[in-house]
Amino acid sequence: MEAKVGHLTMYGAKWCPDAKRARKFLDDRGIKYEWHDIDEEEGAREFVIKVNGRFVIPTLLLPDGSKMTEPSNEELSNKFGV
């Protein structure tokens, strides 16, 4: 599993409150992203562990190649300038 370069990708789960909040933040601002549910997509959970060295969601892979884990709304706002 590889993240697309130049593309915002989020790994999370429907049951995760932080993932729900981050998705709502992005959706409310019209920020497009590719969603991967770690419970529904084979290999997604393992990919998150590989990227972070541990299991932590949501994990966002950003177009510039950086990543964010469990970002607050303030951190998302600062990163995306909204």
PDB file of N, CA and C in Angstrom:
ATOM      1  N   MET A   1       0.858  -1.175   0.000  1.00  0.00           N
ATOM      2  CA  MET A   1       0.000   0.000   0.000  1.00  0.00           C
ATOM      3  C   MET A   1       0.899   1.231   0.000  1.00  0.00           C
ATOM      4  N   GLU A   2       0.667   2.127  -0.921  1.00  0.00           N
ATOM      5  CA  GLU A   2       1.455   3.348  -1.031  1.00  0.00           C
ATOM      6  C   GLU A   2       0.531   4.551  -1.087  1.00  0.00           C
ATOM      7  N   ALA A   3       0.928   5.624  -0.465  1.00  0.00           N
ATOM      8  CA  ALA A   3       0.175   6.878  -0.556  1.00  0.00           C
ATOM      9  C   ALA A   3       0.549   7.559  -1.870  1.00  0.00           C
ATOM     10  N   LYS A   4      -0.411   8.245  -2.460  1.00  0.00           N
ATOM     11  CA  LYS A   4      -0.165   8.963  -3.703  1.00  0.00           C
ATOM     12  C   LYS A   4       0.544  10.275  -3.398  1.00  0.00           C
ATOM     13  N   VAL A   5       1.621  10.537  -4.115  1.00  0.00           N
ATOM     14  CA  VAL A   5       2.359  11.778  -3.932  1.00  0.00           C
ATOM     15  C   VAL A   5       1.504  12.925  -4.471  1.00  0.00           C
ATOM     16  N   GLY A   6       1.486  14.042  -3.737  1.00  0.00           N
ATOM     17  CA  GLY A   6       0.698  15.196  -4.150  1.00  0.00           C
ATOM     18  C   GLY A   6      -0.774  15.062  -3.820  1.00  0.00           C
ATOM     19  N   HIS A   7      -1.082  14.145  -2.922  1.00  0.00           N
ATOM     20  CA  HIS A   7      -2.464  13.811  -2.609  1.00  0.00           C
ATOM     21  C   HIS A   7      -2.599  13.690  -1.092  1.00  0.00           C
ATOM     22  N   LEU A   8      -3.672  14.231  -0.523  1.00  0.00           N
ATOM     23  CA  LEU A   8      -3.927  14.090   0.909  1.00  0.00           C
ATOM     24  C   LEU A   8      -4.631  12.760   1.157  1.00  0.00           C
ATOM     25  N   THR A   9      -4.077  11.976   2.053  1.00  0.00           N
ATOM     26  CA  THR A   9      -4.619  10.658   2.377  1.00  0.00           C
ATOM     27  C   THR A   9      -4.794  10.559   3.884  1.00  0.00           C
ATOM     28  N   MET A  10      -5.955  10.019   4.304  1.00  0.00           N
ATOM     29  CA  MET A  10      -6.202   9.842   5.734  1.00  0.00           C
ATOM     30  C   MET A  10      -6.505   8.377   6.034  1.00  0.00           C
ATOM     31  N   TYR A  11      -5.855   7.865   7.071  1.00  0.00           N
ATOM     32  CA  TYR A  11      -6.118   6.522   7.575  1.00  0.00           C
ATOM     33  C   TYR A  11      -6.797   6.670   8.923  1.00  0.00           C
ATOM     34  N   GLY A  12      -7.901   5.959   9.096  1.00  0.00           N
ATOM     35  CA  GLY A  12      -8.631   6.033  10.353  1.00  0.00           C
ATOM     36  C   GLY A  12      -9.665   4.932  10.431  1.00  0.00           C
ATOM     37  N   ALA A  13     -10.617   5.110  11.338  1.00  0.00           N
ATOM     38  CA  ALA A  13     -11.700   4.145  11.524  1.00  0.00           C
ATOM     39  C   ALA A  13     -12.971   4.911  11.868  1.00  0.00           C
ATOM     40  N   LYS A  14     -14.103   4.347  11.485  1.00  0.00           N
ATOM     41  CA  LYS A  14     -15.390   4.995  11.745  1.00  0.00           C
ATOM     42  C   LYS A  14     -15.652   5.170  13.235  1.00  0.00           C
ATOM     43  N   TRP A  15     -15.104   4.299  14.075  1.00  0.00           N
ATOM     44  CA  TRP A  15     -15.339   4.346  15.513  1.00  0.00           C
ATOM     45  C   TRP A  15     -14.432   5.343  16.233  1.00  0.00           C
ATOM     46  N   CYS A  16     -13.430   5.880  15.547  1.00  0.00           N
ATOM     47  CA  CYS A  16     -12.432   6.746  16.179  1.00  0.00           C
ATOM     48  C   CYS A  16     -12.914   8.199  16.237  1.00  0.00           C
ATOM     49  N   PRO A  17     -13.093   8.758  17.437  1.00  0.00           N
ATOM     50  CA  PRO A  17     -13.570  10.140  17.549  1.00  0.00           C
ATOM     51  C   PRO A  17     -12.635  11.161  16.903  1.00  0.00           C
ATOM     52  N   ASP A  18     -11.324  10.946  16.985  1.00  0.00           N
ATOM     53  CA  ASP A  18     -10.387  11.884  16.358  1.00  0.00           C
ATOM     54  C   ASP A  18     -10.473  11.823  14.838  1.00  0.00           C
ATOM     55  N   ALA A  19     -10.663  10.638  14.297  1.00  0.00           N
ATOM     56  CA  ALA A  19     -10.817  10.508  12.840  1.00  0.00           C
ATOM     57  C   ALA A  19     -12.112  11.170  12.386  1.00  0.00           C
ATOM     58  N   LYS A  20     -13.195  10.971  13.139  1.00  0.00           N
ATOM     59  CA  LYS A  20     -14.471  11.621  12.809  1.00  0.00           C
ATOM     60  C   LYS A  20     -14.323  13.136  12.808  1.00  0.00           C
ATOM     61  N   ARG A  21     -13.655  13.666  13.822  1.00  0.00           N
ATOM     62  CA  ARG A  21     -13.475  15.107  13.944  1.00  0.00           C
ATOM     63  C   ARG A  21     -12.621  15.646  12.798  1.00  0.00           C
ATOM     64  N   ALA A  22     -11.526  14.969  12.486  1.00  0.00           N
ATOM     65  CA  ALA A  22     -10.644  15.408  11.403  1.00  0.00           C
ATOM     66  C   ALA A  22     -11.364  15.357  10.058  1.00  0.00           C
ATOM     67  N   ARG A  23     -12.135  14.304   9.825  1.00  0.00           N
ATOM     68  CA  ARG A  23     -12.898  14.212   8.573  1.00  0.00           C
ATOM     69  C   ARG A  23     -13.914  15.338   8.472  1.00  0.00           C
ATOM     70  N   LYS A  24     -14.607  15.626   9.564  1.00  0.00           N
ATOM     71  CA  LYS A  24     -15.588  16.704   9.562  1.00  0.00           C
ATOM     72  C   LYS A  24     -14.906  18.035   9.279  1.00  0.00           C
ATOM     73  N   PHE A  25     -13.765  18.263   9.896  1.00  0.00           N
ATOM     74  CA  PHE A  25     -13.011  19.496   9.668  1.00  0.00           C
ATOM     75  C   PHE A  25     -12.689  19.648   8.181  1.00  0.00           C
ATOM     76  N   LEU A  26     -12.129  18.615   7.586  1.00  0.00           N
ATOM     77  CA  LEU A  26     -11.761  18.674   6.169  1.00  0.00           C
ATOM     78  C   LEU A  26     -12.989  18.794   5.279  1.00  0.00           C
ATOM     79  N   ASP A  27     -14.021  18.006   5.557  1.00  0.00           N
ATOM     80  CA  ASP A  27     -15.250  18.045   4.759  1.00  0.00           C
ATOM     81  C   ASP A  27     -15.900  19.429   4.813  1.00  0.00           C
ATOM     82  N   ASP A  28     -15.982  20.001   6.005  1.00  0.00           N
ATOM     83  CA  ASP A  28     -16.628  21.305   6.175  1.00  0.00           C
ATOM     84  C   ASP A  28     -15.907  22.405   5.407  1.00  0.00           C
ATOM     85  N   ARG A  29     -14.630  22.214   5.132  1.00  0.00           N
ATOM     86  CA  ARG A  29     -13.835  23.224   4.432  1.00  0.00           C
ATOM     87  C   ARG A  29     -13.572  22.864   2.975  1.00  0.00           C
ATOM     88  N   GLY A  30     -14.176  21.774   2.530  1.00  0.00           N
ATOM     89  CA  GLY A  30     -14.037  21.368   1.129  1.00  0.00           C
ATOM     90  C   GLY A  30     -12.648  20.884   0.766  1.00  0.00           C
ATOM     91  N   ILE A  31     -11.895  20.410   1.761  1.00  0.00           N
ATOM     92  CA  ILE A  31     -10.552  19.891   1.504  1.00  0.00           C
ATOM     93  C   ILE A  31     -10.680  18.426   1.108  1.00  0.00           C
ATOM     94  N   LYS A  32     -10.243  18.120  -0.093  1.00  0.00           N
ATOM     95  CA  LYS A  32     -10.367  16.760  -0.633  1.00  0.00           C
ATOM     96  C   LYS A  32      -9.271  15.857  -0.065  1.00  0.00           C
ATOM     97  N   TYR A  33      -9.651  14.624   0.208  1.00  0.00           N
ATOM     98  CA  TYR A  33      -8.708  13.637   0.720  1.00  0.00           C
ATOM     99  C   TYR A  33      -9.183  12.250   0.333  1.00  0.00           C
ATOM    100  N   GLU A  34      -8.271  11.322   0.372  1.00  0.00           N
ATOM    101  CA  GLU A  34      -8.587   9.916   0.131  1.00  0.00           C
ATOM    102  C   GLU A  34      -8.676   9.229   1.484  1.00  0.00           C
ATOM    103  N   TRP A  35      -9.779   8.554   1.756  1.00  0.00           N
ATOM    104  CA  TRP A  35     -10.048   7.908   3.041  1.00  0.00           C
ATOM    105  C   TRP A  35      -9.729   6.421   2.964  1.00  0.00           C
ATOM    106  N   HIS A  36      -9.028   5.926   3.980  1.00  0.00           N
ATOM    107  CA  HIS A  36      -8.746   4.498   4.124  1.00  0.00           C
ATOM    108  C   HIS A  36      -9.181   4.071   5.522  1.00  0.00           C
ATOM    109  N   ASP A  37     -10.153   3.174   5.597  1.00  0.00           N
ATOM    110  CA  ASP A  37     -10.639   2.662   6.880  1.00  0.00           C
ATOM    111  C   ASP A  37      -9.803   1.451   7.262  1.00  0.00           C
ATOM    112  N   ILE A  38      -9.132   1.544   8.393  1.00  0.00           N
ATOM    113  CA  ILE A  38      -8.211   0.480   8.812  1.00  0.00           C
ATOM    114  C   ILE A  38      -8.937  -0.819   9.164  1.00  0.00           C
ATOM    115  N   ASP A  39     -10.248  -0.750   9.406  1.00  0.00           N
ATOM    116  CA  ASP A  39     -11.017  -1.950   9.714  1.00  0.00           C
ATOM    117  C   ASP A  39     -11.583  -2.614   8.463  1.00  0.00           C
ATOM    118  N   GLU A  40     -11.669  -1.876   7.380  1.00  0.00           N
ATOM    119  CA  GLU A  40     -12.310  -2.391   6.171  1.00  0.00           C
ATOM    120  C   GLU A  40     -11.349  -2.665   5.024  1.00  0.00           C
ATOM    121  N   GLU A  41     -10.184  -2.075   5.070  1.00  0.00           N
ATOM    122  CA  GLU A  41      -9.237  -2.212   3.967  1.00  0.00           C
ATOM    123  C   GLU A  41      -8.051  -3.075   4.384  1.00  0.00           C
ATOM    124  N   GLU A  42      -7.879  -4.157   3.684  1.00  0.00           N
ATOM    125  CA  GLU A  42      -6.788  -5.065   3.998  1.00  0.00           C
ATOM    126  C   GLU A  42      -5.442  -4.362   3.871  1.00  0.00           C
ATOM    127  N   GLY A  43      -4.626  -4.497   4.876  1.00  0.00           N
ATOM    128  CA  GLY A  43      -3.288  -3.922   4.880  1.00  0.00           C
ATOM    129  C   GLY A  43      -3.207  -2.502   5.404  1.00  0.00           C
ATOM    130  N   ALA A  44      -4.356  -1.822   5.603  1.00  0.00           N
ATOM    131  CA  ALA A  44      -4.336  -0.427   6.037  1.00  0.00           C
ATOM    132  C   ALA A  44      -3.788  -0.281   7.458  1.00  0.00           C
ATOM    133  N   ARG A  45      -4.208  -1.136   8.367  1.00  0.00           N
ATOM    134  CA  ARG A  45      -3.717  -1.080   9.753  1.00  0.00           C
ATOM    135  C   ARG A  45      -2.204  -1.294   9.793  1.00  0.00           C
ATOM    136  N   GLU A  46      -1.728  -2.273   9.054  1.00  0.00           N
ATOM    137  CA  GLU A  46      -0.297  -2.571   9.016  1.00  0.00           C
ATOM    138  C   GLU A  46       0.479  -1.398   8.414  1.00  0.00           C
ATOM    139  N   PHE A  47      -0.108  -0.745   7.400  1.00  0.00           N
ATOM    140  CA  PHE A  47       0.529   0.406   6.785  1.00  0.00           C
ATOM    141  C   PHE A  47       0.693   1.543   7.786  1.00  0.00           C
ATOM    142  N   VAL A  48      -0.342   1.791   8.591  1.00  0.00           N
ATOM    143  CA  VAL A  48      -0.285   2.839   9.616  1.00  0.00           C
ATOM    144  C   VAL A  48       0.840   2.534  10.610  1.00  0.00           C
ATOM    145  N   ILE A  49       0.948   1.299  11.027  1.00  0.00           N
ATOM    146  CA  ILE A  49       2.010   0.907  11.963  1.00  0.00           C
ATOM    147  C   ILE A  49       3.380   1.084  11.314  1.00  0.00           C
ATOM    148  N   LYS A  50       3.497   0.723  10.053  1.00  0.00           N
ATOM    149  CA  LYS A  50       4.771   0.865   9.335  1.00  0.00           C
ATOM    150  C   LYS A  50       5.172   2.341   9.231  1.00  0.00           C
ATOM    151  N   VAL A  51       4.234   3.200   8.891  1.00  0.00           N
ATOM    152  CA  VAL A  51       4.506   4.629   8.712  1.00  0.00           C
ATOM    153  C   VAL A  51       4.872   5.309  10.027  1.00  0.00           C
ATOM    154  N   ASN A  52       4.197   4.927  11.114  1.00  0.00           N
ATOM    155  CA  ASN A  52       4.367   5.601  12.403  1.00  0.00           C
ATOM    156  C   ASN A  52       5.256   4.866  13.398  1.00  0.00           C
ATOM    157  N   GLY A  53       5.521   3.610  13.155  1.00  0.00           N
ATOM    158  CA  GLY A  53       6.261   2.818  14.126  1.00  0.00           C
ATOM    159  C   GLY A  53       5.380   2.323  15.257  1.00  0.00           C
ATOM    160  N   ARG A  54       4.094   2.664  15.189  1.00  0.00           N
ATOM    161  CA  ARG A  54       3.096   2.228  16.169  1.00  0.00           C
ATOM    162  C   ARG A  54       1.716   2.491  15.564  1.00  0.00           C
ATOM    163  N   PHE A  55       0.694   1.966  16.212  1.00  0.00           N
ATOM    164  CA  PHE A  55      -0.672   2.171  15.727  1.00  0.00           C
ATOM    165  C   PHE A  55      -1.217   3.478  16.278  1.00  0.00           C
ATOM    166  N   VAL A  56      -1.506   4.430  15.404  1.00  0.00           N
ATOM    167  CA  VAL A  56      -2.083   5.702  15.814  1.00  0.00           C
ATOM    168  C   VAL A  56      -2.938   6.247  14.656  1.00  0.00           C
ATOM    169  N   ILE A  57      -4.206   6.554  14.975  1.00  0.00           N
ATOM    170  CA  ILE A  57      -5.104   7.129  13.986  1.00  0.00           C
ATOM    171  C   ILE A  57      -5.835   8.320  14.592  1.00  0.00           C
ATOM    172  N   PRO A  58      -6.218   9.252  13.755  1.00  0.00           N
ATOM    173  CA  PRO A  58      -5.981   9.254  12.325  1.00  0.00           C
ATOM    174  C   PRO A  58      -4.522   9.585  12.000  1.00  0.00           C
ATOM    175  N   THR A  59      -4.092   9.031  10.888  1.00  0.00           N
ATOM    176  CA  THR A  59      -2.806   9.363  10.305  1.00  0.00           C
ATOM    177  C   THR A  59      -3.092  10.020   8.969  1.00  0.00           C
ATOM    178  N   LEU A  60      -2.570  11.218   8.768  1.00  0.00           N
ATOM    179  CA  LEU A  60      -2.730  11.939   7.513  1.00  0.00           C
ATOM    180  C   LEU A  60      -1.391  12.011   6.819  1.00  0.00           C
ATOM    181  N   LEU A  61      -1.372  11.598   5.565  1.00  0.00           N
ATOM    182  CA  LEU A  61      -0.193  11.724   4.725  1.00  0.00           C
ATOM    183  C   LEU A  61      -0.460  12.903   3.803  1.00  0.00           C
ATOM    184  N   LEU A  62       0.399  13.909   3.881  1.00  0.00           N
ATOM    185  CA  LEU A  62       0.165  15.168   3.204  1.00  0.00           C
ATOM    186  C   LEU A  62       0.846  15.228   1.838  1.00  0.00           C
ATOM    187  N   PRO A  63       0.326  16.080   0.967  1.00  0.00           N
ATOM    188  CA  PRO A  63       0.885  16.188  -0.387  1.00  0.00           C
ATOM    189  C   PRO A  63       2.379  16.514  -0.423  1.00  0.00           C
ATOM    190  N   ASP A  64       2.877  17.208   0.596  1.00  0.00           N
ATOM    191  CA  ASP A  64       4.296  17.573   0.614  1.00  0.00           C
ATOM    192  C   ASP A  64       5.196  16.447   1.138  1.00  0.00           C
ATOM    193  N   GLY A  65       4.599  15.280   1.441  1.00  0.00           N
ATOM    194  CA  GLY A  65       5.367  14.138   1.915  1.00  0.00           C
ATOM    195  C   GLY A  65       5.450  14.033   3.424  1.00  0.00           C
ATOM    196  N   SER A  66       4.960  15.039   4.134  1.00  0.00           N
ATOM    197  CA  SER A  66       4.958  14.985   5.597  1.00  0.00           C
ATOM    198  C   SER A  66       3.729  14.222   6.084  1.00  0.00           C
ATOM    199  N   LYS A  67       3.654  14.019   7.382  1.00  0.00           N
ATOM    200  CA  LYS A  67       2.507  13.324   7.957  1.00  0.00           C
ATOM    201  C   LYS A  67       2.064  14.030   9.225  1.00  0.00           C
ATOM    202  N   MET A  68       0.824  13.787   9.600  1.00  0.00           N
ATOM    203  CA  MET A  68       0.269  14.273  10.862  1.00  0.00           C
ATOM    204  C   MET A  68      -0.443  13.097  11.509  1.00  0.00           C
ATOM    205  N   THR A  69      -0.294  12.977  12.823  1.00  0.00           N
ATOM    206  CA  THR A  69      -1.024  11.946  13.552  1.00  0.00           C
ATOM    207  C   THR A  69      -1.847  12.612  14.636  1.00  0.00           C
ATOM    208  N   GLU A  70      -3.081  12.193  14.732  1.00  0.00           N
ATOM    209  CA  GLU A  70      -4.035  12.750  15.702  1.00  0.00           C
ATOM    210  C   GLU A  70      -3.994  14.283  15.740  1.00  0.00           C
ATOM    211  N   PRO A  71      -4.040  14.936  14.578  1.00  0.00           N
ATOM    212  CA  PRO A  71      -3.954  16.395  14.590  1.00  0.00           C
ATOM    213  C   PRO A  71      -5.200  17.035  15.193  1.00  0.00           C
ATOM    214  N   SER A  72      -4.993  18.118  15.923  1.00  0.00           N
ATOM    215  CA  SER A  72      -6.115  18.907  16.445  1.00  0.00           C
ATOM    216  C   SER A  72      -6.685  19.750  15.302  1.00  0.00           C
ATOM    217  N   ASN A  73      -7.857  20.314  15.523  1.00  0.00           N
ATOM    218  CA  ASN A  73      -8.423  21.218  14.528  1.00  0.00           C
ATOM    219  C   ASN A  73      -7.510  22.419  14.311  1.00  0.00           C
ATOM    220  N   GLU A  74      -6.895  22.895  15.367  1.00  0.00           N
ATOM    221  CA  GLU A  74      -5.971  24.031  15.249  1.00  0.00           C
ATOM    222  C   GLU A  74      -4.768  23.661  14.376  1.00  0.00           C
ATOM    223  N   GLU A  75      -4.224  22.474  14.583  1.00  0.00           N
ATOM    224  CA  GLU A  75      -3.095  22.024  13.767  1.00  0.00           C
ATOM    225  C   GLU A  75      -3.504  21.881  12.300  1.00  0.00           C
ATOM    226  N   LEU A  76      -4.694  21.340  12.060  1.00  0.00           N
ATOM    227  CA  LEU A  76      -5.194  21.213  10.693  1.00  0.00           C
ATOM    228  C   LEU A  76      -5.395  22.590  10.061  1.00  0.00           C
ATOM    229  N   SER A  77      -5.960  23.505  10.832  1.00  0.00           N
ATOM    230  CA  SER A  77      -6.190  24.862  10.339  1.00  0.00           C
ATOM    231  C   SER A  77      -4.875  25.532   9.964  1.00  0.00           C
ATOM    232  N   ASN A  78      -3.875  25.404  10.808  1.00  0.00           N
ATOM    233  CA  ASN A  78      -2.565  25.990  10.523  1.00  0.00           C
ATOM    234  C   ASN A  78      -1.931  25.365   9.298  1.00  0.00           C
ATOM    235  N   LYS A  79      -2.039  24.053   9.174  1.00  0.00           N
ATOM    236  CA  LYS A  79      -1.409  23.343   8.058  1.00  0.00           C
ATOM    237  C   LYS A  79      -2.042  23.715   6.723  1.00  0.00           C
ATOM    238  N   PHE A  80      -3.369  23.841   6.716  1.00  0.00           N
ATOM    239  CA  PHE A  80      -4.091  24.082   5.468  1.00  0.00           C
ATOM    240  C   PHE A  80      -4.481  25.545   5.260  1.00  0.00           C
ATOM    241  N   GLY A  81      -4.139  26.396   6.223  1.00  0.00           N
ATOM    242  CA  GLY A  81      -4.409  27.820   6.081  1.00  0.00           C
ATOM    243  C   GLY A  81      -5.890  28.177   6.016  1.00  0.00           C
ATOM    244  N   VAL A  82      -6.699  27.429   6.771  1.00  0.00           N
ATOM    245  CA  VAL A  82      -8.141  27.698   6.798  1.00  0.00           C
ATOM    246  C   VAL A  82      -8.637  27.930   8.214  1.00  0.00           C
TER     247      VAL A  82
END
